[in-house]
Amino acid sequence: MAERMQALSSEEFQDLLRPAFQEDEWILIVVGGFLGAMAGVGQLLFMFGAA
């Protein structure tokens, strides 16, 4: 199986994995947005101080 997967092109491999993640894709987007926002808030507090 590993040999067959290594023989796939990157596009074929992506097509193989996409259905597995498609159902939970919105969760990844929301969590990524939240983590990015928290990183931005952290940078603001670090740069300008929390007084």
Protein backbone atom coordinates (compact mmCIF):
# COMPACT_ATOMS: atom_id res chain seq x y z
CA MET A 1 0.00 0.00 0.00
CA ALA A 2 2.84 2.38 0.85
CA GLU A 3 4.40 1.81 -2.57
CA ARG A 4 1.09 2.52 -4.31
CA MET A 5 0.63 5.74 -2.31
CA GLN A 6 4.16 6.89 -3.12
CA ALA A 7 3.47 6.29 -6.81
CA LEU A 8 0.55 8.76 -6.75
CA SER A 9 1.09 12.26 -8.09
CA SER A 10 0.50 15.09 -5.62
CA GLU A 11 -2.85 15.86 -7.26
CA GLU A 12 -3.98 12.22 -7.04
CA PHE A 13 -2.89 12.06 -3.40
CA GLN A 14 -4.83 15.25 -2.62
CA ASP A 15 -7.92 13.80 -4.32
CA LEU A 16 -7.54 10.69 -2.17
CA LEU A 17 -7.39 12.63 1.12
CA ARG A 18 -9.87 15.42 0.38
CA PRO A 19 -13.08 13.48 1.14
CA ALA A 20 -11.69 12.42 4.51
CA PHE A 21 -11.20 16.04 5.62
CA GLN A 22 -14.03 17.71 3.73
CA GLU A 23 -16.63 17.00 6.44
CA ASP A 24 -14.58 18.71 9.17
CA GLU A 25 -13.06 21.43 6.98
CA TRP A 26 -15.21 24.19 8.51
CA ILE A 27 -13.88 23.30 11.97
CA LEU A 28 -10.30 23.69 10.74
CA ILE A 29 -11.13 27.09 9.25
CA VAL A 30 -12.85 28.33 12.44
CA VAL A 31 -10.08 27.08 14.72
CA GLY A 32 -7.42 28.58 12.44
CA GLY A 33 -9.22 31.93 12.45
CA PHE A 34 -9.55 31.87 16.23
CA LEU A 35 -5.88 31.00 16.75
CA GLY A 36 -4.84 33.73 14.30
CA ALA A 37 -6.98 36.28 16.14
CA MET A 38 -5.51 35.24 19.48
CA ALA A 39 -2.00 35.56 18.07
CA GLY A 40 -2.87 39.07 16.86
CA VAL A 41 -4.23 40.07 20.27
CA GLY A 42 -1.12 38.64 21.89
CA GLN A 43 1.09 40.70 19.60
CA LEU A 44 -0.89 43.88 20.37
CA LEU A 45 -0.57 43.28 24.10
CA PHE A 46 3.13 42.53 23.78
CA MET A 47 3.86 45.54 21.58
CA PHE A 48 1.72 48.14 23.34
CA GLY A 49 1.49 46.69 26.83
CA ALA A 50 -1.54 45.80 28.87
CA ALA A 51 -2.03 48.67 31.28
